[in-house]
Amino acid sequence: MVHLLIVEDEKKLRVLMSDFFKVKGYEVIEAENGTKALECLEKQEIDMIFLDVMMPEMDGMEACKRIREKTEVPILFLTALYDEETKLSGYACGADDFVTKPFSLEVLFAKAEAIRKRYEKQNTKEREGILRSKNVLLDTKKQVAIIDDKECKMAKKEYEILKMFLENKGQIITRDQILDKVWGEEYFGYDRTVDTHIKKLRKIIGDAAEPLQTVYKAGYIWKE
């Protein structure tokens, strides 16, 4: 059973979603703001989160940042704001997708199921030590990269960067996040060194680097 946390300050909408997803077989927990959502995460296991952007006390963006410090469960933003800046900020915080208000509950359910199945599939592969995206495959147990069905030699930094992208497909990753993960939090060098290694990675894997996109003023995203 999927344990769903619905974080929405509008009670009528929150109850409506809760009743609908309970009928669909979900175990639903409700919270009216980001602060309450964090309290829920401390008390019980959560498999997926619906997170409203505009809320009192702690808005969705701040809540998403704090949630990502604790868990990598799927987060679906609910918002009346769907401009590019909002989307970029949301993805940078760690959101997996957006649903624009007003929305159909059936569409929301379809998105939730698609994300859930993708995460389950990804988690199964990670347990087996395999990360895959189109014609790119990483065997993390053997630390081997397979590009277009051929083993590809690359330096450790490029391998770790590629691994980070495949572990976080569809999410914007900032240069600072890459530096912290690959170089370590104690690194105080020039952050543009990431761009240099991204350039090397793109050259090494050639056409397979097509999903690796630069997001202006934000960082990078591996977008299938």
Protein backbone atom coordinates (compact mmCIF):
# COMPACT_ATOMS: atom_id res chain seq x y z
CA MET A 1 0.00 0.00 0.00
CA VAL A 2 1.25 3.49 -0.92
CA HIS A 3 1.46 5.94 1.99
CA LEU A 4 0.57 9.34 0.52
CA LEU A 5 1.12 12.65 2.34
CA ILE A 6 -1.14 15.45 1.07
CA VAL A 7 0.10 18.90 2.11
CA GLU A 8 -2.55 21.49 1.26
CA ASP A 9 -3.83 24.44 3.31
CA GLU A 10 -7.24 24.54 1.60
CA LYS A 11 -9.18 22.02 3.70
CA LYS A 12 -11.97 21.38 1.19
CA LEU A 13 -9.51 20.45 -1.56
CA ARG A 14 -7.34 18.44 0.83
CA VAL A 15 -10.29 16.33 2.00
CA LEU A 16 -11.48 15.88 -1.58
CA MET A 17 -8.09 14.52 -2.66
CA SER A 18 -7.82 12.41 0.47
CA ASP A 19 -11.20 10.72 -0.06
CA PHE A 20 -10.45 10.11 -3.75
CA PHE A 21 -7.06 8.48 -3.15
CA LYS A 22 -8.36 6.37 -0.27
CA VAL A 23 -10.88 4.88 -2.71
CA LYS A 24 -7.96 4.17 -5.07
CA GLY A 25 -6.28 2.12 -2.34
CA TYR A 26 -3.80 4.67 -0.96
CA GLU A 27 -3.14 5.20 2.75
CA VAL A 28 -3.52 8.99 3.10
CA ILE A 29 -2.02 11.33 5.70
CA GLU A 30 -3.00 15.01 5.69
CA ALA A 31 -1.08 18.16 6.63
CA GLU A 32 -2.18 21.78 6.29
CA ASN A 33 1.29 23.33 5.89
CA GLY A 34 4.98 22.58 5.48
CA THR A 35 5.68 22.54 9.21
CA LYS A 36 3.04 19.86 9.81
CA ALA A 37 4.37 17.91 6.81
CA LEU A 38 7.84 17.69 8.36
CA GLU A 39 6.29 16.50 11.62
CA CYS A 40 4.46 13.75 9.70
CA LEU A 41 7.71 12.60 8.11
CA GLU A 42 9.24 12.18 11.55
CA LYS A 43 6.36 10.01 12.76
CA GLN A 44 5.69 7.60 9.89
CA GLU A 45 6.85 6.16 6.59
CA ILE A 46 5.81 8.14 3.50
CA ASP A 47 6.01 6.88 -0.10
CA MET A 48 4.78 9.96 -2.00
CA ILE A 49 3.99 13.61 -1.30
CA PHE A 50 1.53 16.06 -2.88
CA LEU A 51 2.82 19.50 -1.92
CA ASP A 52 1.00 22.80 -2.35
CA VAL A 53 3.29 25.70 -3.25
CA MET A 54 1.44 28.62 -1.62
CA MET A 55 0.91 27.89 2.09
CA PRO A 56 1.14 29.82 5.40
CA GLU A 57 3.95 29.31 7.94
CA MET A 58 6.18 27.40 5.50
CA ASP A 59 5.56 27.45 1.76
CA GLY A 60 6.00 24.48 -0.55
CA MET A 61 9.42 25.49 -1.87
CA GLU A 62 10.97 25.71 1.59
CA ALA A 63 9.18 22.54 2.69
CA CYS A 64 10.49 20.70 -0.37
CA LYS A 65 14.07 21.70 0.42
CA ARG A 66 13.75 20.41 3.97
CA ILE A 67 12.00 17.23 2.90
CA ARG A 68 14.82 16.50 0.45
CA GLU A 69 17.25 16.60 3.37
CA LYS A 70 15.39 13.63 4.84
CA THR A 71 14.05 11.55 1.96
CA GLU A 72 14.04 11.05 -1.83
CA VAL A 73 10.36 10.04 -2.09
CA PRO A 74 8.47 11.46 -5.10
CA ILE A 75 7.15 15.00 -4.63
CA LEU A 76 4.37 16.34 -6.85
CA PHE A 77 3.80 20.09 -6.59
CA LEU A 78 0.23 21.45 -6.66
CA THR A 79 0.19 25.04 -7.82
CA ALA A 80 -1.81 27.79 -9.49
CA LEU A 81 1.52 29.27 -10.61
CA TYR A 82 3.00 27.54 -13.63
CA ASP A 83 5.40 30.10 -15.05
CA GLU A 84 8.95 29.12 -15.98
CA GLU A 85 10.51 30.66 -12.87
CA THR A 86 8.22 28.67 -10.57
CA LYS A 87 8.94 25.44 -12.41
CA LEU A 88 12.72 26.00 -12.33
CA SER A 89 12.61 26.85 -8.63
CA GLY A 90 10.52 23.77 -7.92
CA TYR A 91 12.76 21.39 -9.83
CA ALA A 92 15.82 22.93 -8.18
CA CYS A 93 14.23 22.22 -4.77
CA GLY A 94 13.75 18.58 -5.72
CA ALA A 95 10.21 18.35 -7.13
CA ASP A 96 9.47 15.51 -9.53
CA ASP A 97 6.52 17.07 -11.36
CA PHE A 98 3.84 19.79 -11.26
CA VAL A 99 0.04 19.75 -11.47
CA THR A 100 -1.65 23.07 -12.18
CA LYS A 101 -4.76 24.10 -10.27
CA PRO A 102 -7.58 23.54 -10.99
CA PHE A 103 -6.88 19.92 -11.90
CA SER A 104 -8.74 16.69 -12.56
CA LEU A 105 -8.39 14.11 -9.79
CA GLU A 106 -8.13 11.39 -12.43
CA VAL A 107 -5.21 13.21 -14.07
CA LEU A 108 -3.57 13.67 -10.68
CA PHE A 109 -3.99 9.94 -9.99
CA ALA A 110 -2.51 9.05 -13.40
CA LYS A 111 0.54 11.22 -12.74
CA ALA A 112 0.97 9.78 -9.26
CA GLU A 113 0.83 6.22 -10.59
CA ALA A 114 3.32 6.99 -13.37
CA ILE A 115 5.80 8.51 -10.91
CA ARG A 116 5.30 5.69 -8.40
CA LYS A 117 5.95 2.98 -11.01
CA ARG A 118 9.02 4.82 -12.30
CA TYR A 119 10.47 5.10 -8.79
CA GLU A 120 9.76 1.45 -8.02
CA LYS A 121 11.49 0.41 -11.23
CA GLN A 122 14.43 2.72 -10.54
CA ASN A 123 14.78 1.48 -6.95
CA THR A 124 14.80 -2.14 -8.13
CA LYS A 125 17.61 -1.38 -10.57
CA GLU A 126 19.55 0.52 -7.90
CA ARG A 127 19.32 -2.47 -5.58
CA GLU A 128 20.78 -4.55 -8.40
CA GLY A 129 23.49 -1.93 -8.92
CA ILE A 130 22.25 -0.95 -12.39
CA LEU A 131 21.43 2.59 -13.54
CA ARG A 132 20.12 3.00 -17.08
CA SER A 133 18.95 5.75 -19.41
CA LYS A 134 18.36 4.92 -23.07
CA ASN A 135 21.74 3.74 -24.42
CA VAL A 136 23.66 4.60 -21.22
CA LEU A 137 24.13 1.96 -18.52
CA LEU A 138 26.13 2.09 -15.30
CA ASP A 139 27.00 -1.01 -13.31
CA THR A 140 27.66 0.69 -9.99
CA LYS A 141 28.90 -2.49 -8.33
CA LYS A 142 31.63 -2.98 -10.93
CA GLN A 143 31.91 0.81 -11.54
CA VAL A 144 31.66 0.27 -15.27
CA ALA A 145 29.98 2.55 -17.84
CA ILE A 146 28.40 0.97 -20.91
CA ILE A 147 27.61 3.36 -23.76
CA ASP A 148 25.89 2.02 -26.90
CA ASP A 149 26.54 -1.53 -25.65
CA LYS A 150 30.29 -0.91 -25.38
CA GLU A 151 32.37 -0.39 -22.26
CA CYS A 152 33.43 3.25 -22.02
CA LYS A 153 36.54 4.37 -20.18
CA MET A 154 36.26 7.61 -18.25
CA ALA A 155 37.92 9.32 -15.30
CA LYS A 156 36.46 8.91 -11.82
CA LYS A 157 35.06 12.45 -11.69
CA GLU A 158 33.19 12.04 -14.99
CA TYR A 159 31.88 8.65 -13.87
CA GLU A 160 30.60 10.07 -10.56
CA ILE A 161 28.93 13.00 -12.32
CA LEU A 162 27.19 10.67 -14.77
CA LYS A 163 26.11 8.44 -11.89
CA MET A 164 24.65 11.45 -10.08
CA PHE A 165 22.60 12.40 -13.15
CA LEU A 166 21.24 8.89 -13.61
CA GLU A 167 20.31 8.73 -9.93
CA ASN A 168 18.41 12.02 -10.24
CA LYS A 169 16.86 11.89 -13.71
CA GLY A 170 14.46 14.74 -14.41
CA GLN A 171 15.74 16.90 -11.54
CA ILE A 172 17.78 20.07 -11.91
CA ILE A 173 21.17 19.64 -10.25
CA THR A 174 23.15 22.76 -9.37
CA ARG A 175 26.91 23.14 -9.69
CA ASP A 176 27.18 23.38 -5.91
CA GLN A 177 25.33 20.07 -5.50
CA ILE A 178 27.71 18.39 -7.95
CA LEU A 179 30.73 19.87 -6.17
CA ASP A 180 29.47 18.68 -2.77
CA LYS A 181 28.69 15.18 -4.03
CA VAL A 182 31.67 14.55 -6.31
CA TRP A 183 34.43 16.76 -4.87
CA GLY A 184 33.23 16.82 -1.25
CA GLU A 185 31.81 19.55 0.97
CA GLU A 186 35.30 20.75 1.90
CA TYR A 187 36.07 21.78 -1.69
CA PHE A 188 36.52 25.55 -2.03
CA GLY A 189 37.71 25.79 -5.61
CA TYR A 190 36.20 27.44 -8.67
CA ASP A 191 32.66 26.15 -9.30
CA ARG A 192 33.15 26.40 -13.08
CA THR A 193 35.37 23.34 -12.80
CA VAL A 194 32.05 21.45 -12.98
CA ASP A 195 31.42 22.90 -16.45
CA THR A 196 34.82 21.67 -17.59
CA HIS A 197 34.09 18.12 -16.44
CA ILE A 198 30.58 18.21 -17.93
CA LYS A 199 32.16 19.21 -21.24
CA LYS A 200 34.58 16.25 -20.97
CA LEU A 201 31.71 13.90 -20.13
CA ARG A 202 29.70 15.04 -23.15
CA LYS A 203 32.70 14.48 -25.39
CA ILE A 204 33.37 11.00 -23.96
CA ILE A 205 29.83 9.65 -24.34
CA GLY A 206 29.04 11.47 -27.59
CA ASP A 207 25.46 11.25 -28.85
CA ALA A 208 24.45 9.46 -25.63
CA ALA A 209 24.80 12.84 -23.89
CA GLU A 210 21.68 14.18 -25.59
CA PRO A 211 19.55 14.00 -22.38
CA LEU A 212 22.17 16.06 -20.50
CA GLN A 213 20.89 19.63 -20.78
CA THR A 214 22.08 22.93 -19.37
CA VAL A 215 19.44 24.90 -17.47
CA TYR A 216 20.20 28.62 -17.68
CA LYS A 217 21.15 30.13 -14.30
CA ALA A 218 20.22 26.89 -12.53
CA GLY A 219 22.55 24.02 -13.38
CA TYR A 220 22.03 20.82 -15.33
CA ILE A 221 19.33 18.21 -15.86
CA TRP A 222 19.33 14.69 -17.33
CA LYS A 223 16.03 14.79 -19.17
CA GLU A 224 14.96 11.67 -21.08
